[in-house]
Amino acid sequence: MMEVDARGFSCPIPVVKTKEAIDNNPSAPLSVLVESEVSRENVSRLARSRGYSVKVERIEDGFRLLLSPSSK
């Protein structure tokens, strides 16, 4: 599973990094680390718009978003 560590960045950087990872690995699951609720919501919105399911885990310094491409 590929991991994008976007902690320490404010939006839109976490969204841009996630979009790049999705575009480069469209069928692979992805883990995205973010610090803020705003970044969590924005990355989740992007992932869902691209057909990914999103599972959010609270971690010590923010959130881990587990993005899984839908099977077609």
Protein backbone atom coordinates (compact mmCIF):
# COMPACT_ATOMS: atom_id res chain seq x y z
CA MET A 1 0.00 0.00 0.00
CA MET A 2 1.34 3.38 -0.98
CA GLU A 3 1.43 6.06 1.72
CA VAL A 4 1.13 9.82 1.29
CA ASP A 5 2.32 11.78 4.32
CA ALA A 6 0.71 15.20 4.03
CA ARG A 7 1.09 16.13 7.70
CA GLY A 8 2.45 19.63 8.15
CA PHE A 9 0.77 20.89 4.98
CA SER A 10 -2.43 22.90 4.74
CA CYS A 11 -4.91 22.55 1.91
CA PRO A 12 -4.73 22.34 -0.99
CA ILE A 13 -1.37 20.51 -0.70
CA PRO A 14 -2.77 17.28 0.86
CA VAL A 15 -5.39 17.12 -1.91
CA VAL A 16 -2.78 17.75 -4.62
CA LYS A 17 -0.47 15.05 -3.21
CA THR A 18 -3.39 12.58 -2.95
CA LYS A 19 -4.58 13.36 -6.48
CA GLU A 20 -1.06 12.76 -7.82
CA ALA A 21 -0.84 9.40 -6.01
CA ILE A 22 -4.29 8.35 -7.30
CA ASP A 23 -3.40 9.38 -10.86
CA ASN A 24 -0.08 7.47 -10.74
CA ASN A 25 -1.54 4.32 -9.11
CA PRO A 26 -5.24 4.24 -10.04
CA SER A 27 -5.97 0.68 -8.93
CA ALA A 28 -3.88 0.60 -5.75
CA PRO A 29 -5.10 1.20 -2.20
CA LEU A 30 -3.64 4.29 -0.60
CA SER A 31 -2.97 5.51 2.94
CA VAL A 32 -3.00 9.30 3.43
CA LEU A 33 -1.82 10.97 6.65
CA VAL A 34 -3.20 14.45 7.43
CA GLU A 35 -3.30 16.62 10.53
CA SER A 36 -6.44 18.72 10.23
CA GLU A 37 -10.14 18.00 9.92
CA VAL A 38 -10.29 20.32 6.90
CA SER A 39 -7.63 18.25 5.09
CA ARG A 40 -9.41 15.04 6.14
CA GLU A 41 -12.68 16.27 4.62
CA ASN A 42 -11.10 17.61 1.43
CA VAL A 43 -9.05 14.46 0.76
CA SER A 44 -12.10 12.28 1.51
CA ARG A 45 -14.21 14.31 -0.93
CA LEU A 46 -11.59 13.94 -3.67
CA ALA A 47 -11.27 10.19 -3.09
CA ARG A 48 -15.02 9.60 -3.16
CA SER A 49 -15.35 11.65 -6.35
CA ARG A 50 -12.78 9.31 -7.90
CA GLY A 51 -14.71 6.20 -6.84
CA TYR A 52 -12.66 5.29 -3.75
CA SER A 53 -14.10 4.14 -0.45
CA VAL A 54 -12.69 6.02 2.53
CA LYS A 55 -12.01 4.70 6.02
CA VAL A 56 -10.81 7.25 8.57
CA GLU A 57 -8.68 6.34 11.58
CA ARG A 58 -7.79 8.79 14.33
CA ILE A 59 -4.05 8.73 15.03
CA GLU A 60 -1.95 10.59 17.59
CA ASP A 61 -1.17 13.57 15.36
CA GLY A 62 -4.17 13.65 13.04
CA PHE A 63 -5.89 11.16 10.77
CA ARG A 64 -5.03 8.19 8.57
CA LEU A 65 -7.32 7.85 5.57
CA LEU A 66 -7.41 4.44 3.97
CA LEU A 67 -8.52 4.82 0.37
CA SER A 68 -9.61 1.75 -1.56
CA PRO A 69 -10.53 1.84 -5.25
CA SER A 70 -13.95 0.41 -5.98
CA SER A 71 -13.92 -2.87 -7.83
CA LYS A 72 -15.55 -2.58 -11.23
